[in-house]
Amino acid sequence: MVYGNDFKIDGKRAYSTYIELSVPFRLGGLDWDVRAGVTPFESAGSTFEEKIVTETGKVKTYTRGDWLYGESFTCNLASVRATKQLEFKHFNVPVFVELHTNPYLQRANLVLGVSIKSL
């Protein structure tokens, strides 16, 4: 994805860009896919205010930036997927497991899946 129609926190055009590299290979009887995705520069975002009440009862207001993909060069995706083809009479049933992470958000998901293909 190159040059999205979006805006930075300061109101200037962000032209958010996302680049992903995928490397498929076969190892140990499984089909593997390793992927990495990056945002090469500041993405779109917005600001918001957060009000905090202190222990003394005073209200403090903080303004914070919130970026969709990252404040600068950011790794948004690091994943590895393993797929095994289970064969039945007239069908192949690919079963996969994927560890999908977003290092920028410090989140990870384990995805399990199955699909059916006719021969």
PDB file of N, CA and C in Angstrom:
ATOM      1  N   MET A   1       0.860  -1.157   0.000  1.00  0.00           N
ATOM      2  CA  MET A   1       0.000   0.000   0.000  1.00  0.00           C
ATOM      3  C   MET A   1       0.911   1.224   0.000  1.00  0.00           C
ATOM      4  N   VAL A   2       0.688   2.115  -0.928  1.00  0.00           N
ATOM      5  CA  VAL A   2       1.552   3.275  -1.063  1.00  0.00           C
ATOM      6  C   VAL A   2       0.708   4.543  -1.120  1.00  0.00           C
ATOM      7  N   TYR A   3       1.079   5.528  -0.355  1.00  0.00           N
ATOM      8  CA  TYR A   3       0.500   6.863  -0.372  1.00  0.00           C
ATOM      9  C   TYR A   3      -1.011   6.884  -0.159  1.00  0.00           C
ATOM     10  N   GLY A   4      -1.439   6.504   1.042  1.00  0.00           N
ATOM     11  CA  GLY A   4      -2.850   6.566   1.395  1.00  0.00           C
ATOM     12  C   GLY A   4      -3.343   8.005   1.470  1.00  0.00           C
ATOM     13  N   ASN A   5      -4.628   8.189   1.370  1.00  0.00           N
ATOM     14  CA  ASN A   5      -5.247   9.512   1.424  1.00  0.00           C
ATOM     15  C   ASN A   5      -5.623   9.810   2.871  1.00  0.00           C
ATOM     16  N   ASP A   6      -4.631  10.194   3.674  1.00  0.00           N
ATOM     17  CA  ASP A   6      -4.873  10.416   5.091  1.00  0.00           C
ATOM     18  C   ASP A   6      -3.976  11.533   5.612  1.00  0.00           C
ATOM     19  N   PHE A   7      -4.138  11.885   6.888  1.00  0.00           N
ATOM     20  CA  PHE A   7      -3.463  13.061   7.432  1.00  0.00           C
ATOM     21  C   PHE A   7      -2.751  12.752   8.743  1.00  0.00           C
ATOM     22  N   LYS A   8      -1.609  13.437   8.955  1.00  0.00           N
ATOM     23  CA  LYS A   8      -0.841  13.320  10.192  1.00  0.00           C
ATOM     24  C   LYS A   8      -1.530  14.091  11.311  1.00  0.00           C
ATOM     25  N   ILE A   9      -1.014  13.939  12.502  1.00  0.00           N
ATOM     26  CA  ILE A   9      -1.557  14.636  13.656  1.00  0.00           C
ATOM     27  C   ILE A   9      -1.477  16.150  13.468  1.00  0.00           C
ATOM     28  N   ASP A  10      -0.417  16.640  12.810  1.00  0.00           N
ATOM     29  CA  ASP A  10      -0.267  18.088  12.616  1.00  0.00           C
ATOM     30  C   ASP A  10      -1.118  18.630  11.463  1.00  0.00           C
ATOM     31  N   GLY A  11      -1.917  17.786  10.815  1.00  0.00           N
ATOM     32  CA  GLY A  11      -2.806  18.211   9.741  1.00  0.00           C
ATOM     33  C   GLY A  11      -2.230  18.089   8.347  1.00  0.00           C
ATOM     34  N   LYS A  12      -0.929  17.810   8.225  1.00  0.00           N
ATOM     35  CA  LYS A  12      -0.310  17.637   6.912  1.00  0.00           C
ATOM     36  C   LYS A  12      -0.646  16.259   6.356  1.00  0.00           C
ATOM     37  N   ARG A  13      -0.550  16.113   5.039  1.00  0.00           N
ATOM     38  CA  ARG A  13      -0.813  14.815   4.410  1.00  0.00           C
ATOM     39  C   ARG A  13       0.175  13.775   4.922  1.00  0.00           C
ATOM     40  N   ALA A  14      -0.307  12.593   5.262  1.00  0.00           N
ATOM     41  CA  ALA A  14       0.548  11.524   5.782  1.00  0.00           C
ATOM     42  C   ALA A  14       1.059  10.615   4.673  1.00  0.00           C
ATOM     43  N   TYR A  15       0.259  10.388   3.650  1.00  0.00           N
ATOM     44  CA  TYR A  15       0.608   9.439   2.591  1.00  0.00           C
ATOM     45  C   TYR A  15       1.076   8.118   3.208  1.00  0.00           C
ATOM     46  N   SER A  16       0.308   7.617   4.150  1.00  0.00           N
ATOM     47  CA  SER A  16       0.702   6.388   4.850  1.00  0.00           C
ATOM     48  C   SER A  16       1.059   5.287   3.866  1.00  0.00           C
ATOM     49  N   THR A  17       2.172   4.622   4.137  1.00  0.00           N
ATOM     50  CA  THR A  17       2.690   3.571   3.273  1.00  0.00           C
ATOM     51  C   THR A  17       2.980   2.345   4.123  1.00  0.00           C
ATOM     52  N   TYR A  18       2.653   1.174   3.584  1.00  0.00           N
ATOM     53  CA  TYR A  18       2.905  -0.092   4.275  1.00  0.00           C
ATOM     54  C   TYR A  18       3.587  -1.033   3.291  1.00  0.00           C
ATOM     55  N   ILE A  19       4.681  -1.654   3.731  1.00  0.00           N
ATOM     56  CA  ILE A  19       5.439  -2.573   2.880  1.00  0.00           C
ATOM     57  C   ILE A  19       5.534  -3.908   3.605  1.00  0.00           C
ATOM     58  N   GLU A  20       5.232  -4.990   2.897  1.00  0.00           N
ATOM     59  CA  GLU A  20       5.278  -6.320   3.512  1.00  0.00           C
ATOM     60  C   GLU A  20       6.107  -7.264   2.651  1.00  0.00           C
ATOM     61  N   LEU A  21       6.944  -8.051   3.300  1.00  0.00           N
ATOM     62  CA  LEU A  21       7.769  -9.057   2.641  1.00  0.00           C
ATOM     63  C   LEU A  21       7.336 -10.430   3.143  1.00  0.00           C
ATOM     64  N   SER A  22       7.116 -11.346   2.217  1.00  0.00           N
ATOM     65  CA  SER A  22       6.711 -12.703   2.558  1.00  0.00           C
ATOM     66  C   SER A  22       7.709 -13.692   1.962  1.00  0.00           C
ATOM     67  N   VAL A  23       8.130 -14.659   2.771  1.00  0.00           N
ATOM     68  CA  VAL A  23       9.080 -15.671   2.309  1.00  0.00           C
ATOM     69  C   VAL A  23       8.474 -17.060   2.553  1.00  0.00           C
ATOM     70  N   PRO A  24       7.939 -17.700   1.506  1.00  0.00           N
ATOM     71  CA  PRO A  24       7.409 -19.062   1.657  1.00  0.00           C
ATOM     72  C   PRO A  24       8.518 -20.093   1.455  1.00  0.00           C
ATOM     73  N   PHE A  25       8.427 -21.201   2.192  1.00  0.00           N
ATOM     74  CA  PHE A  25       9.383 -22.298   2.020  1.00  0.00           C
ATOM     75  C   PHE A  25       8.763 -23.581   2.573  1.00  0.00           C
ATOM     76  N   ARG A  26       9.384 -24.700   2.242  1.00  0.00           N
ATOM     77  CA  ARG A  26       8.906 -26.012   2.709  1.00  0.00           C
ATOM     78  C   ARG A  26       9.990 -26.597   3.601  1.00  0.00           C
ATOM     79  N   LEU A  27       9.567 -27.097   4.780  1.00  0.00           N
ATOM     80  CA  LEU A  27      10.504 -27.667   5.739  1.00  0.00           C
ATOM     81  C   LEU A  27       9.770 -28.660   6.626  1.00  0.00           C
ATOM     82  N   GLY A  28      10.332 -29.841   6.768  1.00  0.00           N
ATOM     83  CA  GLY A  28       9.747 -30.853   7.649  1.00  0.00           C
ATOM     84  C   GLY A  28       8.356 -31.306   7.264  1.00  0.00           C
ATOM     85  N   GLY A  29       8.068 -31.335   5.962  1.00  0.00           N
ATOM     86  CA  GLY A  29       6.748 -31.774   5.496  1.00  0.00           C
ATOM     87  C   GLY A  29       5.652 -30.727   5.655  1.00  0.00           C
ATOM     88  N   LEU A  30       6.013 -29.504   6.029  1.00  0.00           N
ATOM     89  CA  LEU A  30       5.047 -28.424   6.198  1.00  0.00           C
ATOM     90  C   LEU A  30       5.377 -27.282   5.244  1.00  0.00           C
ATOM     91  N   ASP A  31       4.344 -26.556   4.842  1.00  0.00           N
ATOM     92  CA  ASP A  31       4.531 -25.326   4.080  1.00  0.00           C
ATOM     93  C   ASP A  31       4.597 -24.179   5.083  1.00  0.00           C
ATOM     94  N   TRP A  32       5.663 -23.381   5.008  1.00  0.00           N
ATOM     95  CA  TRP A  32       5.880 -22.281   5.937  1.00  0.00           C
ATOM     96  C   TRP A  32       5.791 -20.955   5.191  1.00  0.00           C
ATOM     97  N   ASP A  33       5.420 -19.919   5.923  1.00  0.00           N
ATOM     98  CA  ASP A  33       5.414 -18.564   5.389  1.00  0.00           C
ATOM     99  C   ASP A  33       5.825 -17.628   6.517  1.00  0.00           C
ATOM    100  N   VAL A  34       6.911 -16.902   6.292  1.00  0.00           N
ATOM    101  CA  VAL A  34       7.392 -15.916   7.260  1.00  0.00           C
ATOM    102  C   VAL A  34       7.157 -14.547   6.654  1.00  0.00           C
ATOM    103  N   ARG A  35       6.536 -13.630   7.420  1.00  0.00           N
ATOM    104  CA  ARG A  35       6.226 -12.301   6.895  1.00  0.00           C
ATOM    105  C   ARG A  35       6.680 -11.210   7.854  1.00  0.00           C
ATOM    106  N   ALA A  36       7.064 -10.086   7.281  1.00  0.00           N
ATOM    107  CA  ALA A  36       7.382  -8.888   8.055  1.00  0.00           C
ATOM    108  C   ALA A  36       6.790  -7.693   7.324  1.00  0.00           C
ATOM    109  N   GLY A  37       6.162  -6.797   8.071  1.00  0.00           N
ATOM    110  CA  GLY A  37       5.563  -5.609   7.487  1.00  0.00           C
ATOM    111  C   GLY A  37       6.009  -4.370   8.229  1.00  0.00           C
ATOM    112  N   VAL A  38       6.298  -3.303   7.474  1.00  0.00           N
ATOM    113  CA  VAL A  38       6.764  -2.064   8.083  1.00  0.00           C
ATOM    114  C   VAL A  38       6.026  -0.858   7.517  1.00  0.00           C
ATOM    115  N   THR A  39       5.953   0.170   8.342  1.00  0.00           N
ATOM    116  CA  THR A  39       5.535   1.495   7.924  1.00  0.00           C
ATOM    117  C   THR A  39       6.808   2.331   7.926  1.00  0.00           C
ATOM    118  N   PRO A  40       7.260   2.820   6.760  1.00  0.00           N
ATOM    119  CA  PRO A  40       8.573   3.454   6.692  1.00  0.00           C
ATOM    120  C   PRO A  40       8.674   4.855   7.301  1.00  0.00           C
ATOM    121  N   PHE A  41       7.531   5.530   7.510  1.00  0.00           N
ATOM    122  CA  PHE A  41       7.584   6.859   8.116  1.00  0.00           C
ATOM    123  C   PHE A  41       6.275   7.143   8.831  1.00  0.00           C
ATOM    124  N   GLU A  42       6.168   8.299   9.459  1.00  0.00           N
ATOM    125  CA  GLU A  42       5.006   8.639  10.282  1.00  0.00           C
ATOM    126  C   GLU A  42       3.701   8.414   9.526  1.00  0.00           C
ATOM    127  N   SER A  43       2.762   7.769  10.196  1.00  0.00           N
ATOM    128  CA  SER A  43       1.475   7.484   9.572  1.00  0.00           C
ATOM    129  C   SER A  43       0.424   8.496  10.029  1.00  0.00           C
ATOM    130  N   ALA A  44      -0.775   8.280   9.563  1.00  0.00           N
ATOM    131  CA  ALA A  44      -1.899   9.113   9.966  1.00  0.00           C
ATOM    132  C   ALA A  44      -2.165   8.942  11.453  1.00  0.00           C
ATOM    133  N   GLY A  45      -2.828   9.916  12.017  1.00  0.00           N
ATOM    134  CA  GLY A  45      -3.157   9.829  13.426  1.00  0.00           C
ATOM    135  C   GLY A  45      -4.035  10.979  13.849  1.00  0.00           C
ATOM    136  N   SER A  46      -4.279  11.068  15.128  1.00  0.00           N
ATOM    137  CA  SER A  46      -5.098  12.142  15.674  1.00  0.00           C
ATOM    138  C   SER A  46      -4.653  12.406  17.106  1.00  0.00           C
ATOM    139  N   THR A  47      -5.123  13.503  17.653  1.00  0.00           N
ATOM    140  CA  THR A  47      -4.835  13.813  19.050  1.00  0.00           C
ATOM    141  C   THR A  47      -6.125  13.692  19.845  1.00  0.00           C
ATOM    142  N   PHE A  48      -5.973  13.455  21.109  1.00  0.00           N
ATOM    143  CA  PHE A  48      -7.131  13.464  21.982  1.00  0.00           C
ATOM    144  C   PHE A  48      -6.710  13.954  23.355  1.00  0.00           C
ATOM    145  N   GLU A  49      -7.686  14.482  24.074  1.00  0.00           N
ATOM    146  CA  GLU A  49      -7.424  14.988  25.414  1.00  0.00           C
ATOM    147  C   GLU A  49      -7.875  13.975  26.445  1.00  0.00           C
ATOM    148  N   GLU A  50      -7.090  13.882  27.493  1.00  0.00           N
ATOM    149  CA  GLU A  50      -7.407  12.964  28.580  1.00  0.00           C
ATOM    150  C   GLU A  50      -7.385  13.775  29.873  1.00  0.00           C
ATOM    151  N   LYS A  51      -8.472  13.706  30.637  1.00  0.00           N
ATOM    152  CA  LYS A  51      -8.558  14.450  31.890  1.00  0.00           C
ATOM    153  C   LYS A  51      -8.331  13.492  33.046  1.00  0.00           C
ATOM    154  N   ILE A  52      -7.448  13.908  33.953  1.00  0.00           N
ATOM    155  CA  ILE A  52      -7.092  13.094  35.109  1.00  0.00           C
ATOM    156  C   ILE A  52      -7.390  13.902  36.371  1.00  0.00           C
ATOM    157  N   VAL A  53      -8.019  13.270  37.333  1.00  0.00           N
ATOM    158  CA  VAL A  53      -8.251  13.911  38.633  1.00  0.00           C
ATOM    159  C   VAL A  53      -7.138  13.454  39.564  1.00  0.00           C
ATOM    160  N   THR A  54      -6.393  14.410  40.108  1.00  0.00           N
ATOM    161  CA  THR A  54      -5.278  14.086  40.996  1.00  0.00           C
ATOM    162  C   THR A  54      -5.800  13.748  42.387  1.00  0.00           C
ATOM    163  N   GLU A  55      -4.915  13.307  43.257  1.00  0.00           N
ATOM    164  CA  GLU A  55      -5.298  12.967  44.633  1.00  0.00           C
ATOM    165  C   GLU A  55      -5.815  14.174  45.396  1.00  0.00           C
ATOM    166  N   THR A  56      -5.379  15.370  44.992  1.00  0.00           N
ATOM    167  CA  THR A  56      -5.827  16.595  45.666  1.00  0.00           C
ATOM    168  C   THR A  56      -7.134  17.123  45.086  1.00  0.00           C
ATOM    169  N   GLY A  57      -7.671  16.441  44.084  1.00  0.00           N
ATOM    170  CA  GLY A  57      -8.942  16.840  43.493  1.00  0.00           C
ATOM    171  C   GLY A  57      -8.821  17.774  42.304  1.00  0.00           C
ATOM    172  N   LYS A  58      -7.611  18.133  41.926  1.00  0.00           N
ATOM    173  CA  LYS A  58      -7.424  18.996  40.761  1.00  0.00           C
ATOM    174  C   LYS A  58      -7.568  18.178  39.485  1.00  0.00           C
ATOM    175  N   VAL A  59      -8.105  18.813  38.453  1.00  0.00           N
ATOM    176  CA  VAL A  59      -8.264  18.159  37.154  1.00  0.00           C
ATOM    177  C   VAL A  59      -7.130  18.629  36.247  1.00  0.00           C
ATOM    178  N   LYS A  60      -6.369  17.674  35.725  1.00  0.00           N
ATOM    179  CA  LYS A  60      -5.303  17.985  34.776  1.00  0.00           C
ATOM    180  C   LYS A  60      -5.699  17.426  33.422  1.00  0.00           C
ATOM    181  N   THR A  61      -5.425  18.191  32.375  1.00  0.00           N
ATOM    182  CA  THR A  61      -5.741  17.764  31.018  1.00  0.00           C
ATOM    183  C   THR A  61      -4.439  17.499  30.272  1.00  0.00           C
ATOM    184  N   TYR A  62      -4.340  16.323  29.671  1.00  0.00           N
ATOM    185  CA  TYR A  62      -3.184  15.935  28.871  1.00  0.00           C
ATOM    186  C   TYR A  62      -3.635  15.740  27.436  1.00  0.00           C
ATOM    187  N   THR A  63      -2.851  16.258  26.500  1.00  0.00           N
ATOM    188  CA  THR A  63      -3.113  16.034  25.077  1.00  0.00           C
ATOM    189  C   THR A  63      -2.095  15.025  24.579  1.00  0.00           C
ATOM    190  N   ARG A  64      -2.594  14.012  23.914  1.00  0.00           N
ATOM    191  CA  ARG A  64      -1.754  12.903  23.487  1.00  0.00           C
ATOM    192  C   ARG A  64      -1.978  12.599  22.018  1.00  0.00           C
ATOM    193  N   GLY A  65      -0.921  12.157  21.332  1.00  0.00           N
ATOM    194  CA  GLY A  65      -1.033  11.729  19.942  1.00  0.00           C
ATOM    195  C   GLY A  65      -1.319  10.237  19.866  1.00  0.00           C
ATOM    196  N   ASP A  66      -2.106   9.864  18.890  1.00  0.00           N
ATOM    197  CA  ASP A  66      -2.419   8.452  18.678  1.00  0.00           C
ATOM    198  C   ASP A  66      -2.256   8.153  17.187  1.00  0.00           C
ATOM    199  N   TRP A  67      -1.214   7.384  16.825  1.00  0.00           N
ATOM    200  CA  TRP A  67      -0.922   7.070  15.430  1.00  0.00           C
ATOM    201  C   TRP A  67      -1.568   5.750  15.047  1.00  0.00           C
ATOM    202  N   LEU A  68      -2.041   5.659  13.810  1.00  0.00           N
ATOM    203  CA  LEU A  68      -2.655   4.419  13.345  1.00  0.00           C
ATOM    204  C   LEU A  68      -1.623   3.310  13.182  1.00  0.00           C
ATOM    205  N   TYR A  69      -0.457   3.641  12.595  1.00  0.00           N
ATOM    206  CA  TYR A  69       0.536   2.609  12.304  1.00  0.00           C
ATOM    207  C   TYR A  69       1.881   2.864  12.953  1.00  0.00           C
ATOM    208  N   GLY A  70       2.200   4.103  13.282  1.00  0.00           N
ATOM    209  CA  GLY A  70       3.475   4.385  13.917  1.00  0.00           C
ATOM    210  C   GLY A  70       3.905   5.823  13.788  1.00  0.00           C
ATOM    211  N   GLU A  71       4.765   6.236  14.712  1.00  0.00           N
ATOM    212  CA  GLU A  71       5.248   7.614  14.770  1.00  0.00           C
ATOM    213  C   GLU A  71       6.391   7.863  13.794  1.00  0.00           C
ATOM    214  N   SER A  72       7.054   6.813  13.354  1.00  0.00           N
ATOM    215  CA  SER A  72       8.186   6.906  12.430  1.00  0.00           C
ATOM    216  C   SER A  72       8.325   5.518  11.798  1.00  0.00           C
ATOM    217  N   PHE A  73       9.539   5.119  11.406  1.00  0.00           N
ATOM    218  CA  PHE A  73       9.731   3.760  10.879  1.00  0.00           C
ATOM    219  C   PHE A  73       9.294   2.767  11.949  1.00  0.00           C
ATOM    220  N   THR A  74       8.354   1.898  11.600  1.00  0.00           N
ATOM    221  CA  THR A  74       7.759   1.004  12.578  1.00  0.00           C
ATOM    222  C   THR A  74       7.542  -0.379  11.974  1.00  0.00           C
ATOM    223  N   CYS A  75       7.868  -1.405  12.741  1.00  0.00           N
ATOM    224  CA  CYS A  75       7.528  -2.771  12.348  1.00  0.00           C
ATOM    225  C   CYS A  75       6.142  -3.075  12.903  1.00  0.00           C
ATOM    226  N   ASN A  76       5.177  -3.295  11.994  1.00  0.00           N
ATOM    227  CA  ASN A  76       3.796  -3.549  12.379  1.00  0.00           C
ATOM    228  C   ASN A  76       3.399  -5.016  12.302  1.00  0.00           C
ATOM    229  N   LEU A  77       4.228  -5.821  11.663  1.00  0.00           N
ATOM    230  CA  LEU A  77       3.871  -7.227  11.490  1.00  0.00           C
ATOM    231  C   LEU A  77       5.126  -8.088  11.496  1.00  0.00           C
ATOM    232  N   ALA A  78       5.076  -9.128  12.289  1.00  0.00           N
ATOM    233  CA  ALA A  78       6.071 -10.198  12.249  1.00  0.00           C
ATOM    234  C   ALA A  78       5.279 -11.478  12.485  1.00  0.00           C
ATOM    235  N   SER A  79       5.274 -12.357  11.495  1.00  0.00           N
ATOM    236  CA  SER A  79       4.457 -13.562  11.648  1.00  0.00           C
ATOM    237  C   SER A  79       5.131 -14.765  11.006  1.00  0.00           C
ATOM    238  N   VAL A  80       4.721 -15.922  11.482  1.00  0.00           N
ATOM    239  CA  VAL A  80       5.157 -17.189  10.902  1.00  0.00           C
ATOM    240  C   VAL A  80       3.931 -18.107  10.862  1.00  0.00           C
ATOM    241  N   ARG A  81       3.755 -18.788   9.723  1.00  0.00           N
ATOM    242  CA  ARG A  81       2.606 -19.688   9.532  1.00  0.00           C
ATOM    243  C   ARG A  81       3.112 -21.028   9.040  1.00  0.00           C
ATOM    244  N   ALA A  82       2.547 -22.095   9.594  1.00  0.00           N
ATOM    245  CA  ALA A  82       2.829 -23.456   9.141  1.00  0.00           C
ATOM    246  C   ALA A  82       1.519 -24.070   8.662  1.00  0.00           C
ATOM    247  N   THR A  83       1.563 -24.690   7.461  1.00  0.00           N
ATOM    248  CA  THR A  83       0.370 -25.307   6.874  1.00  0.00           C
ATOM    249  C   THR A  83       0.655 -26.762   6.557  1.00  0.00           C
ATOM    250  N   LYS A  84      -0.298 -27.618   6.878  1.00  0.00           N
ATOM    251  CA  LYS A  84      -0.207 -29.059   6.583  1.00  0.00           C
ATOM    252  C   LYS A  84      -1.419 -29.432   5.745  1.00  0.00           C
ATOM    253  N   GLN A  85      -1.181 -30.121   4.629  1.00  0.00           N
ATOM    254  CA  GLN A  85      -2.267 -30.578   3.755  1.00  0.00           C
ATOM    255  C   GLN A  85      -2.744 -31.947   4.232  1.00  0.00           C
ATOM    256  N   LEU A  86      -3.977 -32.023   4.711  1.00  0.00           N
ATOM    257  CA  LEU A  86      -4.587 -33.311   5.064  1.00  0.00           C
ATOM    258  C   LEU A  86      -5.395 -33.767   3.865  1.00  0.00           C
ATOM    259  N   GLU A  87      -5.134 -34.992   3.397  1.00  0.00           N
ATOM    260  CA  GLU A  87      -5.795 -35.478   2.189  1.00  0.00           C
ATOM    261  C   GLU A  87      -6.860 -36.512   2.528  1.00  0.00           C
ATOM    262  N   PHE A  88      -8.042 -36.300   1.947  1.00  0.00           N
ATOM    263  CA  PHE A  88      -9.148 -37.241   2.058  1.00  0.00           C
ATOM    264  C   PHE A  88      -9.500 -37.670   0.638  1.00  0.00           C
ATOM    265  N   LYS A  89     -10.546 -38.487   0.455  1.00  0.00           N
ATOM    266  CA  LYS A  89     -10.861 -39.030  -0.864  1.00  0.00           C
ATOM    267  C   LYS A  89     -10.885 -37.980  -1.963  1.00  0.00           C
ATOM    268  N   HIS A  90     -11.760 -37.002  -1.863  1.00  0.00           N
ATOM    269  CA  HIS A  90     -11.914 -36.017  -2.928  1.00  0.00           C
ATOM    270  C   HIS A  90     -11.567 -34.597  -2.489  1.00  0.00           C
ATOM    271  N   PHE A  91     -10.940 -34.486  -1.349  1.00  0.00           N
ATOM    272  CA  PHE A  91     -10.645 -33.161  -0.824  1.00  0.00           C
ATOM    273  C   PHE A  91      -9.257 -33.080  -0.209  1.00  0.00           C
ATOM    274  N   ASN A  92      -8.659 -31.926  -0.330  1.00  0.00           N
ATOM    275  CA  ASN A  92      -7.494 -31.552   0.460  1.00  0.00           C
ATOM    276  C   ASN A  92      -7.991 -30.579   1.518  1.00  0.00           C
ATOM    277  N   VAL A  93      -7.567 -30.776   2.730  1.00  0.00           N
ATOM    278  CA  VAL A  93      -7.956 -29.875   3.810  1.00  0.00           C
ATOM    279  C   VAL A  93      -6.681 -29.257   4.390  1.00  0.00           C
ATOM    280  N   PRO A  94      -6.330 -28.044   3.939  1.00  0.00           N
ATOM    281  CA  PRO A  94      -5.164 -27.380   4.514  1.00  0.00           C
ATOM    282  C   PRO A  94      -5.490 -26.872   5.920  1.00  0.00           C
ATOM    283  N   VAL A  95      -4.692 -27.277   6.879  1.00  0.00           N
ATOM    284  CA  VAL A  95      -4.834 -26.839   8.265  1.00  0.00           C
ATOM    285  C   VAL A  95      -3.606 -25.996   8.580  1.00  0.00           C
ATOM    286  N   PHE A  96      -3.804 -24.846   9.210  1.00  0.00           N
ATOM    287  CA  PHE A  96      -2.655 -23.998   9.496  1.00  0.00           C
ATOM    288  C   PHE A  96      -2.695 -23.445  10.912  1.00  0.00           C
ATOM    289  N   VAL A  97      -1.527 -23.078  11.392  1.00  0.00           N
ATOM    290  CA  VAL A  97      -1.380 -22.364  12.652  1.00  0.00           C
ATOM    291  C   VAL A  97      -0.428 -21.197  12.380  1.00  0.00           C
ATOM    292  N   GLU A  98      -0.766 -20.027  12.901  1.00  0.00           N
ATOM    293  CA  GLU A  98       0.032 -18.827  12.643  1.00  0.00           C
ATOM    294  C   GLU A  98       0.220 -18.028  13.925  1.00  0.00           C
ATOM    295  N   LEU A  99       1.454 -17.636  14.179  1.00  0.00           N
ATOM    296  CA  LEU A  99       1.748 -16.681  15.237  1.00  0.00           C
ATOM    297  C   LEU A  99       1.870 -15.331  14.559  1.00  0.00           C
ATOM    298  N   HIS A 100       0.960 -14.438  14.875  1.00  0.00           N
ATOM    299  CA  HIS A 100       0.838 -13.137  14.219  1.00  0.00           C
ATOM    300  C   HIS A 100       1.103 -12.067  15.276  1.00  0.00           C
ATOM    301  N   THR A 101       2.164 -11.265  15.111  1.00  0.00           N
ATOM    302  CA  THR A 101       2.493 -10.260  16.118  1.00  0.00           C
ATOM    303  C   THR A 101       2.534  -8.865  15.506  1.00  0.00           C
ATOM    304  N   ASN A 102       2.291  -7.866  16.347  1.00  0.00           N
ATOM    305  CA  ASN A 102       2.464  -6.470  15.989  1.00  0.00           C
ATOM    306  C   ASN A 102       3.429  -5.886  17.019  1.00  0.00           C
ATOM    307  N   PRO A 103       4.729  -5.832  16.702  1.00  0.00           N
ATOM    308  CA  PRO A 103       5.706  -5.328  17.666  1.00  0.00           C
ATOM    309  C   PRO A 103       5.445  -3.892  18.108  1.00  0.00           C
ATOM    310  N   TYR A 104       4.917  -3.039  17.220  1.00  0.00           N
ATOM    311  CA  TYR A 104       4.644  -1.643  17.577  1.00  0.00           C
ATOM    312  C   TYR A 104       3.602  -1.569  18.701  1.00  0.00           C
ATOM    313  N   LEU A 105       2.531  -2.332  18.582  1.00  0.00           N
ATOM    314  CA  LEU A 105       1.480  -2.329  19.601  1.00  0.00           C
ATOM    315  C   LEU A 105       1.754  -3.315  20.733  1.00  0.00           C
ATOM    316  N   GLN A 106       2.815  -4.094  20.589  1.00  0.00           N
ATOM    317  CA  GLN A 106       3.183  -5.122  21.565  1.00  0.00           C
ATOM    318  C   GLN A 106       2.020  -6.095  21.796  1.00  0.00           C
ATOM    319  N   ARG A 107       1.514  -6.625  20.673  1.00  0.00           N
ATOM    320  CA  ARG A 107       0.406  -7.587  20.722  1.00  0.00           C
ATOM    321  C   ARG A 107       0.754  -8.808  19.897  1.00  0.00           C
ATOM    322  N   ALA A 108       0.159  -9.935  20.281  1.00  0.00           N
ATOM    323  CA  ALA A 108       0.367 -11.173  19.530  1.00  0.00           C
ATOM    324  C   ALA A 108      -0.928 -11.977  19.531  1.00  0.00           C
ATOM    325  N   ASN A 109      -1.137 -12.705  18.444  1.00  0.00           N
ATOM    326  CA  ASN A 109      -2.308 -13.572  18.311  1.00  0.00           C
ATOM    327  C   ASN A 109      -1.857 -14.909  17.761  1.00  0.00           C
ATOM    328  N   LEU A 110      -2.503 -15.952  18.218  1.00  0.00           N
ATOM    329  CA  LEU A 110      -2.302 -17.280  17.658  1.00  0.00           C
ATOM    330  C   LEU A 110      -3.558 -17.596  16.862  1.00  0.00           C
ATOM    331  N   VAL A 111      -3.373 -17.859  15.569  1.00  0.00           N
ATOM    332  CA  VAL A 111      -4.495 -18.091  14.671  1.00  0.00           C
ATOM    333  C   VAL A 111      -4.452 -19.532  14.202  1.00  0.00           C
ATOM    334  N   LEU A 112      -5.578 -20.227  14.312  1.00  0.00           N
ATOM    335  CA  LEU A 112      -5.721 -21.594  13.812  1.00  0.00           C
ATOM    336  C   LEU A 112      -6.776 -21.569  12.717  1.00  0.00           C
ATOM    337  N   GLY A 113      -6.565 -22.307  11.635  1.00  0.00           N
ATOM    338  CA  GLY A 113      -7.530 -22.268  10.565  1.00  0.00           C
ATOM    339  C   GLY A 113      -7.543 -23.527   9.728  1.00  0.00           C
ATOM    340  N   VAL A 114      -8.624 -23.662   8.968  1.00  0.00           N
ATOM    341  CA  VAL A 114      -8.805 -24.787   8.060  1.00  0.00           C
ATOM    342  C   VAL A 114      -9.600 -24.266   6.856  1.00  0.00           C
ATOM    343  N   SER A 115      -9.262 -24.800   5.657  1.00  0.00           N
ATOM    344  CA  SER A 115     -10.056 -24.475   4.485  1.00  0.00           C
ATOM    345  C   SER A 115     -10.232 -25.757   3.671  1.00  0.00           C
ATOM    346  N   ILE A 116     -11.219 -25.749   2.805  1.00  0.00           N
ATOM    347  CA  ILE A 116     -11.504 -26.952   2.012  1.00  0.00           C
ATOM    348  C   ILE A 116     -11.337 -26.605   0.542  1.00  0.00           C
ATOM    349  N   LYS A 117     -10.562 -27.420  -0.160  1.00  0.00           N
ATOM    350  CA  LYS A 117     -10.334 -27.254  -1.603  1.00  0.00           C
ATOM    351  C   LYS A 117     -10.737 -28.559  -2.289  1.00  0.00           C
ATOM    352  N   SER A 118     -11.453 -28.440  -3.399  1.00  0.00           N
ATOM    353  CA  SER A 118     -11.744 -29.645  -4.156  1.00  0.00           C
ATOM    354  C   SER A 118     -10.550 -29.970  -5.060  1.00  0.00           C
ATOM    355  N   LEU A 119     -10.347 -31.227  -5.353  1.00  0.00           N
ATOM    356  CA  LEU A 119      -9.214 -31.650  -6.189  1.00  0.00           C
ATOM    357  C   LEU A 119      -9.504 -31.468  -7.653  1.00  0.00           C
TER     358      LEU A 119
END
